Amino acid sequence: MKKSELKQIIREEVVKILSESKYKVGDVVTPKIGPHKGQKHTIIHSYGNGKYNIKPVGLKGSQIKYKLGAAGASEKDLE
């Protein structure tokens, strides 16, 4: 197998894996851990590898306990 063929196969597999995210941007999820566990959150960014940025729904400014207003979460920590 040529090096270029191997690169193409790897590239196709990576694209396939990244497109299989369970949640999409805008989905409402509930985290199982963290300071706001059990509250509804919105996914604001999906990295495509099972990692997401989430933001609490219905909370404003100082009510949000996350330092930058949003938190990172993995797929296993969300419902």
PDB file of N, CA and C in Angstrom:
ATOM      1  N   MET A   1       0.853  -1.180   0.000  1.00  0.00           N
ATOM      2  CA  MET A   1       0.000   0.000   0.000  1.00  0.00           C
ATOM      3  C   MET A   1       0.895   1.238   0.000  1.00  0.00           C
ATOM      4  N   LYS A   2       0.542   2.174  -0.860  1.00  0.00           N
ATOM      5  CA  LYS A   2       1.316   3.410  -0.967  1.00  0.00           C
ATOM      6  C   LYS A   2       0.992   4.344   0.192  1.00  0.00           C
ATOM      7  N   LYS A   3       1.937   5.218   0.437  1.00  0.00           N
ATOM      8  CA  LYS A   3       1.775   6.182   1.527  1.00  0.00           C
ATOM      9  C   LYS A   3       0.568   7.095   1.292  1.00  0.00           C
ATOM     10  N   SER A   4       0.343   7.505   0.052  1.00  0.00           N
ATOM     11  CA  SER A   4      -0.788   8.390  -0.260  1.00  0.00           C
ATOM     12  C   SER A   4      -2.122   7.680  -0.050  1.00  0.00           C
ATOM     13  N   GLU A   5      -2.192   6.387  -0.372  1.00  0.00           N
ATOM     14  CA  GLU A   5      -3.415   5.619  -0.151  1.00  0.00           C
ATOM     15  C   GLU A   5      -3.709   5.484   1.333  1.00  0.00           C
ATOM     16  N   LEU A   6      -2.676   5.256   2.118  1.00  0.00           N
ATOM     17  CA  LEU A   6      -2.830   5.143   3.567  1.00  0.00           C
ATOM     18  C   LEU A   6      -3.321   6.456   4.175  1.00  0.00           C
ATOM     19  N   LYS A   7      -2.759   7.568   3.719  1.00  0.00           N
ATOM     20  CA  LYS A   7      -3.199   8.884   4.201  1.00  0.00           C
ATOM     21  C   LYS A   7      -4.669   9.123   3.885  1.00  0.00           C
ATOM     22  N   GLN A   8      -5.095   8.724   2.684  1.00  0.00           N
ATOM     23  CA  GLN A   8      -6.495   8.905   2.281  1.00  0.00           C
ATOM     24  C   GLN A   8      -7.429   8.075   3.152  1.00  0.00           C
ATOM     25  N   ILE A   9      -7.065   6.841   3.446  1.00  0.00           N
ATOM     26  CA  ILE A   9      -7.878   5.972   4.293  1.00  0.00           C
ATOM     27  C   ILE A   9      -7.990   6.550   5.696  1.00  0.00           C
ATOM     28  N   ILE A  10      -6.888   7.025   6.246  1.00  0.00           N
ATOM     29  CA  ILE A  10      -6.890   7.626   7.582  1.00  0.00           C
ATOM     30  C   ILE A  10      -7.766   8.870   7.596  1.00  0.00           C
ATOM     31  N   ARG A  11      -7.635   9.709   6.570  1.00  0.00           N
ATOM     32  CA  ARG A  11      -8.425  10.932   6.481  1.00  0.00           C
ATOM     33  C   ARG A  11      -9.922  10.608   6.449  1.00  0.00           C
ATOM     34  N   GLU A  12     -10.313   9.608   5.676  1.00  0.00           N
ATOM     35  CA  GLU A  12     -11.721   9.215   5.589  1.00  0.00           C
ATOM     36  C   GLU A  12     -12.244   8.700   6.924  1.00  0.00           C
ATOM     37  N   GLU A  13     -11.442   7.942   7.644  1.00  0.00           N
ATOM     38  CA  GLU A  13     -11.845   7.421   8.953  1.00  0.00           C
ATOM     39  C   GLU A  13     -12.006   8.546   9.971  1.00  0.00           C
ATOM     40  N   VAL A  14     -11.113   9.527   9.947  1.00  0.00           N
ATOM     41  CA  VAL A  14     -11.200  10.662  10.873  1.00  0.00           C
ATOM     42  C   VAL A  14     -12.470  11.457  10.604  1.00  0.00           C
ATOM     43  N   VAL A  15     -12.779  11.716   9.351  1.00  0.00           N
ATOM     44  CA  VAL A  15     -14.003  12.448   8.998  1.00  0.00           C
ATOM     45  C   VAL A  15     -15.226  11.672   9.462  1.00  0.00           C
ATOM     46  N   LYS A  16     -15.212  10.363   9.282  1.00  0.00           N
ATOM     47  CA  LYS A  16     -16.335   9.518   9.704  1.00  0.00           C
ATOM     48  C   LYS A  16     -16.541   9.591  11.208  1.00  0.00           C
ATOM     49  N   ILE A  17     -15.463   9.496  11.970  1.00  0.00           N
ATOM     50  CA  ILE A  17     -15.542   9.543  13.432  1.00  0.00           C
ATOM     51  C   ILE A  17     -16.035  10.908  13.905  1.00  0.00           C
ATOM     52  N   LEU A  18     -15.514  11.981  13.314  1.00  0.00           N
ATOM     53  CA  LEU A  18     -15.904  13.322  13.738  1.00  0.00           C
ATOM     54  C   LEU A  18     -17.348  13.649  13.399  1.00  0.00           C
ATOM     55  N   SER A  19     -17.901  13.032  12.390  1.00  0.00           N
ATOM     56  CA  SER A  19     -19.283  13.327  12.009  1.00  0.00           C
ATOM     57  C   SER A  19     -20.300  12.529  12.825  1.00  0.00           C
ATOM     58  N   GLU A  20     -19.844  11.656  13.713  1.00  0.00           N
ATOM     59  CA  GLU A  20     -20.744  10.812  14.494  1.00  0.00           C
ATOM     60  C   GLU A  20     -21.027  11.358  15.896  1.00  0.00           C
ATOM     61  N   SER A  21     -20.945  12.667  16.093  1.00  0.00           N
ATOM     62  CA  SER A  21     -21.228  13.251  17.395  1.00  0.00           C
ATOM     63  C   SER A  21     -22.671  12.976  17.796  1.00  0.00           C
ATOM     64  N   LYS A  22     -22.873  12.684  19.061  1.00  0.00           N
ATOM     65  CA  LYS A  22     -24.200  12.360  19.569  1.00  0.00           C
ATOM     66  C   LYS A  22     -25.085  13.600  19.650  1.00  0.00           C
ATOM     67  N   TYR A  23     -24.507  14.739  20.042  1.00  0.00           N
ATOM     68  CA  TYR A  23     -25.259  15.982  20.203  1.00  0.00           C
ATOM     69  C   TYR A  23     -24.798  17.010  19.182  1.00  0.00           C
ATOM     70  N   LYS A  24     -25.676  17.932  18.854  1.00  0.00           N
ATOM     71  CA  LYS A  24     -25.379  19.010  17.910  1.00  0.00           C
ATOM     72  C   LYS A  24     -25.506  20.352  18.616  1.00  0.00           C
ATOM     73  N   VAL A  25     -24.947  21.397  18.026  1.00  0.00           N
ATOM     74  CA  VAL A  25     -25.044  22.748  18.576  1.00  0.00           C
ATOM     75  C   VAL A  25     -26.515  23.138  18.660  1.00  0.00           C
ATOM     76  N   GLY A  26     -26.919  23.654  19.815  1.00  0.00           N
ATOM     77  CA  GLY A  26     -28.307  24.054  20.041  1.00  0.00           C
ATOM     78  C   GLY A  26     -29.121  23.031  20.799  1.00  0.00           C
ATOM     79  N   ASP A  27     -28.633  21.800  20.905  1.00  0.00           N
ATOM     80  CA  ASP A  27     -29.342  20.772  21.670  1.00  0.00           C
ATOM     81  C   ASP A  27     -29.347  21.134  23.150  1.00  0.00           C
ATOM     82  N   VAL A  28     -30.408  20.763  23.837  1.00  0.00           N
ATOM     83  CA  VAL A  28     -30.510  20.983  25.275  1.00  0.00           C
ATOM     84  C   VAL A  28     -30.140  19.679  25.982  1.00  0.00           C
ATOM     85  N   VAL A  29     -29.182  19.771  26.903  1.00  0.00           N
ATOM     86  CA  VAL A  29     -28.680  18.599  27.623  1.00  0.00           C
ATOM     87  C   VAL A  29     -28.665  18.900  29.119  1.00  0.00           C
ATOM     88  N   THR A  30     -28.456  17.859  29.920  1.00  0.00           N
ATOM     89  CA  THR A  30     -28.346  18.004  31.365  1.00  0.00           C
ATOM     90  C   THR A  30     -27.037  17.353  31.806  1.00  0.00           C
ATOM     91  N   PRO A  31     -26.119  18.132  32.403  1.00  0.00           N
ATOM     92  CA  PRO A  31     -24.864  17.544  32.859  1.00  0.00           C
ATOM     93  C   PRO A  31     -25.058  16.725  34.136  1.00  0.00           C
ATOM     94  N   LYS A  32     -24.247  15.685  34.277  1.00  0.00           N
ATOM     95  CA  LYS A  32     -24.306  14.818  35.455  1.00  0.00           C
ATOM     96  C   LYS A  32     -23.366  15.284  36.559  1.00  0.00           C
ATOM     97  N   ILE A  33     -22.409  16.160  36.234  1.00  0.00           N
ATOM     98  CA  ILE A  33     -21.434  16.642  37.210  1.00  0.00           C
ATOM     99  C   ILE A  33     -21.290  18.153  37.098  1.00  0.00           C
ATOM    100  N   GLY A  34     -20.647  18.760  38.082  1.00  0.00           N
ATOM    101  CA  GLY A  34     -20.371  20.191  38.053  1.00  0.00           C
ATOM    102  C   GLY A  34     -21.296  20.992  38.937  1.00  0.00           C
ATOM    103  N   PRO A  35     -21.032  22.305  39.039  1.00  0.00           N
ATOM    104  CA  PRO A  35     -21.819  23.156  39.931  1.00  0.00           C
ATOM    105  C   PRO A  35     -23.269  23.338  39.512  1.00  0.00           C
ATOM    106  N   HIS A  36     -23.568  23.144  38.237  1.00  0.00           N
ATOM    107  CA  HIS A  36     -24.940  23.274  37.750  1.00  0.00           C
ATOM    108  C   HIS A  36     -25.502  21.926  37.311  1.00  0.00           C
ATOM    109  N   LYS A  37     -25.056  20.829  37.938  1.00  0.00           N
ATOM    110  CA  LYS A  37     -25.540  19.508  37.524  1.00  0.00           C
ATOM    111  C   LYS A  37     -27.042  19.412  37.732  1.00  0.00           C
ATOM    112  N   GLY A  38     -27.701  18.754  36.812  1.00  0.00           N
ATOM    113  CA  GLY A  38     -29.145  18.589  36.885  1.00  0.00           C
ATOM    114  C   GLY A  38     -29.936  19.716  36.242  1.00  0.00           C
ATOM    115  N   GLN A  39     -29.280  20.832  35.923  1.00  0.00           N
ATOM    116  CA  GLN A  39     -29.968  21.943  35.263  1.00  0.00           C
ATOM    117  C   GLN A  39     -29.787  21.826  33.757  1.00  0.00           C
ATOM    118  N   LYS A  40     -30.729  22.361  33.017  1.00  0.00           N
ATOM    119  CA  LYS A  40     -30.662  22.307  31.558  1.00  0.00           C
ATOM    120  C   LYS A  40     -29.573  23.250  31.040  1.00  0.00           C
ATOM    121  N   HIS A  41     -28.840  22.759  30.035  1.00  0.00           N
ATOM    122  CA  HIS A  41     -27.790  23.523  29.382  1.00  0.00           C
ATOM    123  C   HIS A  41     -27.983  23.434  27.867  1.00  0.00           C
ATOM    124  N   THR A  42     -27.458  24.414  27.162  1.00  0.00           N
ATOM    125  CA  THR A  42     -27.464  24.411  25.711  1.00  0.00           C
ATOM    126  C   THR A  42     -26.043  24.169  25.221  1.00  0.00           C
ATOM    127  N   ILE A  43     -25.895  23.352  24.193  1.00  0.00           N
ATOM    128  CA  ILE A  43     -24.573  23.139  23.597  1.00  0.00           C
ATOM    129  C   ILE A  43     -24.282  24.332  22.700  1.00  0.00           C
ATOM    130  N   ILE A  44     -23.160  25.017  22.980  1.00  0.00           N
ATOM    131  CA  ILE A  44     -22.802  26.190  22.192  1.00  0.00           C
ATOM    132  C   ILE A  44     -21.661  25.899  21.221  1.00  0.00           C
ATOM    133  N   HIS A  45     -20.943  24.776  21.424  1.00  0.00           N
ATOM    134  CA  HIS A  45     -19.889  24.383  20.488  1.00  0.00           C
ATOM    135  C   HIS A  45     -19.637  22.889  20.608  1.00  0.00           C
ATOM    136  N   SER A  46     -19.476  22.247  19.471  1.00  0.00           N
ATOM    137  CA  SER A  46     -19.138  20.827  19.434  1.00  0.00           C
ATOM    138  C   SER A  46     -17.787  20.678  18.753  1.00  0.00           C
ATOM    139  N   TYR A  47     -16.868  20.011  19.419  1.00  0.00           N
ATOM    140  CA  TYR A  47     -15.541  19.806  18.844  1.00  0.00           C
ATOM    141  C   TYR A  47     -15.519  18.625  17.889  1.00  0.00           C
ATOM    142  N   GLY A  48     -16.567  17.815  17.864  1.00  0.00           N
ATOM    143  CA  GLY A  48     -16.655  16.696  16.952  1.00  0.00           C
ATOM    144  C   GLY A  48     -15.984  15.429  17.438  1.00  0.00           C
ATOM    145  N   ASN A  49     -15.438  15.459  18.649  1.00  0.00           N
ATOM    146  CA  ASN A  49     -14.752  14.283  19.182  1.00  0.00           C
ATOM    147  C   ASN A  49     -15.345  13.840  20.520  1.00  0.00           C
ATOM    148  N   GLY A  50     -16.593  14.235  20.774  1.00  0.00           N
ATOM    149  CA  GLY A  50     -17.232  13.875  22.032  1.00  0.00           C
ATOM    150  C   GLY A  50     -17.067  14.923  23.117  1.00  0.00           C
ATOM    151  N   LYS A  51     -16.459  16.052  22.787  1.00  0.00           N
ATOM    152  CA  LYS A  51     -16.285  17.163  23.725  1.00  0.00           C
ATOM    153  C   LYS A  51     -17.164  18.325  23.279  1.00  0.00           C
ATOM    154  N   TYR A  52     -17.759  19.006  24.254  1.00  0.00           N
ATOM    155  CA  TYR A  52     -18.689  20.093  23.964  1.00  0.00           C
ATOM    156  C   TYR A  52     -18.464  21.256  24.924  1.00  0.00           C
ATOM    157  N   ASN A  53     -18.861  22.461  24.514  1.00  0.00           N
ATOM    158  CA  ASN A  53     -18.983  23.596  25.409  1.00  0.00           C
ATOM    159  C   ASN A  53     -20.462  23.776  25.672  1.00  0.00           C
ATOM    160  N   ILE A  54     -20.813  23.913  26.957  1.00  0.00           N
ATOM    161  CA  ILE A  54     -22.219  24.040  27.328  1.00  0.00           C
ATOM    162  C   ILE A  54     -22.426  25.286  28.180  1.00  0.00           C
ATOM    163  N   LYS A  55     -23.628  25.847  28.094  1.00  0.00           N
ATOM    164  CA  LYS A  55     -23.978  27.055  28.839  1.00  0.00           C
ATOM    165  C   LYS A  55     -25.335  26.840  29.486  1.00  0.00           C
ATOM    166  N   PRO A  56     -25.498  27.212  30.768  1.00  0.00           N
ATOM    167  CA  PRO A  56     -26.784  27.022  31.445  1.00  0.00           C
ATOM    168  C   PRO A  56     -27.904  27.834  30.798  1.00  0.00           C
ATOM    169  N   VAL A  57     -29.080  27.257  30.761  1.00  0.00           N
ATOM    170  CA  VAL A  57     -30.263  27.919  30.204  1.00  0.00           C
ATOM    171  C   VAL A  57     -30.960  28.661  31.343  1.00  0.00           C
ATOM    172  N   GLY A  58     -31.337  29.906  31.112  1.00  0.00           N
ATOM    173  CA  GLY A  58     -32.133  30.660  32.072  1.00  0.00           C
ATOM    174  C   GLY A  58     -31.353  31.385  33.154  1.00  0.00           C
ATOM    175  N   LEU A  59     -30.037  31.247  33.184  1.00  0.00           N
ATOM    176  CA  LEU A  59     -29.235  31.951  34.180  1.00  0.00           C
ATOM    177  C   LEU A  59     -28.525  33.129  33.519  1.00  0.00           C
ATOM    178  N   LYS A  60     -28.342  34.204  34.255  1.00  0.00           N
ATOM    179  CA  LYS A  60     -27.701  35.403  33.734  1.00  0.00           C
ATOM    180  C   LYS A  60     -26.493  35.775  34.591  1.00  0.00           C
ATOM    181  N   GLY A  61     -25.508  36.375  33.992  1.00  0.00           N
ATOM    182  CA  GLY A  61     -24.355  36.973  34.649  1.00  0.00           C
ATOM    183  C   GLY A  61     -23.804  36.272  35.865  1.00  0.00           C
ATOM    184  N   SER A  62     -23.991  36.877  37.033  1.00  0.00           N
ATOM    185  CA  SER A  62     -23.378  36.380  38.271  1.00  0.00           C
ATOM    186  C   SER A  62     -24.019  35.088  38.781  1.00  0.00           C
ATOM    187  N   GLN A  63     -25.158  34.699  38.231  1.00  0.00           N
ATOM    188  CA  GLN A  63     -25.787  33.439  38.631  1.00  0.00           C
ATOM    189  C   GLN A  63     -25.023  32.232  38.089  1.00  0.00           C
ATOM    190  N   ILE A  64     -24.301  32.432  36.984  1.00  0.00           N
ATOM    191  CA  ILE A  64     -23.539  31.345  36.368  1.00  0.00           C
ATOM    192  C   ILE A  64     -22.245  31.159  37.146  1.00  0.00           C
ATOM    193  N   LYS A  65     -22.012  29.958  37.629  1.00  0.00           N
ATOM    194  CA  LYS A  65     -20.859  29.672  38.468  1.00  0.00           C
ATOM    195  C   LYS A  65     -19.605  29.312  37.673  1.00  0.00           C
ATOM    196  N   TYR A  66     -19.718  29.243  36.335  1.00  0.00           N
ATOM    197  CA  TYR A  66     -18.558  28.956  35.504  1.00  0.00           C
ATOM    198  C   TYR A  66     -17.766  30.241  35.328  1.00  0.00           C
ATOM    199  N   LYS A  67     -16.451  30.156  35.414  1.00  0.00           N
ATOM    200  CA  LYS A  67     -15.586  31.323  35.368  1.00  0.00           C
ATOM    201  C   LYS A  67     -15.791  32.173  34.113  1.00  0.00           C
ATOM    202  N   LEU A  68     -15.911  31.537  32.961  1.00  0.00           N
ATOM    203  CA  LEU A  68     -16.066  32.270  31.707  1.00  0.00           C
ATOM    204  C   LEU A  68     -17.494  32.218  31.163  1.00  0.00           C
ATOM    205  N   GLY A  69     -18.446  31.725  31.952  1.00  0.00           N
ATOM    206  CA  GLY A  69     -19.844  31.697  31.543  1.00  0.00           C
ATOM    207  C   GLY A  69     -20.279  30.416  30.864  1.00  0.00           C
ATOM    208  N   ALA A  70     -19.315  29.570  30.525  1.00  0.00           N
ATOM    209  CA  ALA A  70     -19.629  28.282  29.892  1.00  0.00           C
ATOM    210  C   ALA A  70     -18.636  27.255  30.394  1.00  0.00           C
ATOM    211  N   ALA A  71     -18.923  25.994  30.163  1.00  0.00           N
ATOM    212  CA  ALA A  71     -18.039  24.923  30.647  1.00  0.00           C
ATOM    213  C   ALA A  71     -17.837  23.897  29.547  1.00  0.00           C
ATOM    214  N   GLY A  72     -16.758  23.161  29.671  1.00  0.00           N
ATOM    215  CA  GLY A  72     -16.502  22.052  28.770  1.00  0.00           C
ATOM    216  C   GLY A  72     -17.099  20.787  29.367  1.00  0.00           C
ATOM    217  N   ALA A  73     -17.585  19.907  28.519  1.00  0.00           N
ATOM    218  CA  ALA A  73     -18.162  18.647  28.985  1.00  0.00           C
ATOM    219  C   ALA A  73     -17.895  17.561  27.961  1.00  0.00           C
ATOM    220  N   SER A  74     -17.751  16.355  28.449  1.00  0.00           N
ATOM    221  CA  SER A  74     -17.608  15.228  27.527  1.00  0.00           C
ATOM    222  C   SER A  74     -18.958  14.533  27.382  1.00  0.00           C
ATOM    223  N   GLU A  75     -19.070  13.765  26.330  1.00  0.00           N
ATOM    224  CA  GLU A  75     -20.331  13.089  26.009  1.00  0.00           C
ATOM    225  C   GLU A  75     -20.817  12.193  27.146  1.00  0.00           C
ATOM    226  N   LYS A  76     -19.902  11.558  27.863  1.00  0.00           N
ATOM    227  CA  LYS A  76     -20.286  10.651  28.950  1.00  0.00           C
ATOM    228  C   LYS A  76     -20.849  11.394  30.164  1.00  0.00           C
ATOM    229  N   ASP A  77     -20.589  12.695  30.265  1.00  0.00           N
ATOM    230  CA  ASP A  77     -21.075  13.484  31.391  1.00  0.00           C
ATOM    231  C   ASP A  77     -22.411  14.184  31.108  1.00  0.00           C
ATOM    232  N   LEU A  78     -23.012  13.918  29.958  1.00  0.00           N
ATOM    233  CA  LEU A  78     -24.267  14.578  29.576  1.00  0.00           C
ATOM    234  C   LEU A  78     -25.388  13.575  29.406  1.00  0.00           C
ATOM    235  N   GLU A  79     -26.607  14.026  29.683  1.00  0.00           N
ATOM    236  CA  GLU A  79     -27.805  13.211  29.451  1.00  0.00           C
ATOM    237  C   GLU A  79     -28.651  13.893  28.410  1.00  0.00           C
TER     238      GLU A  79
END
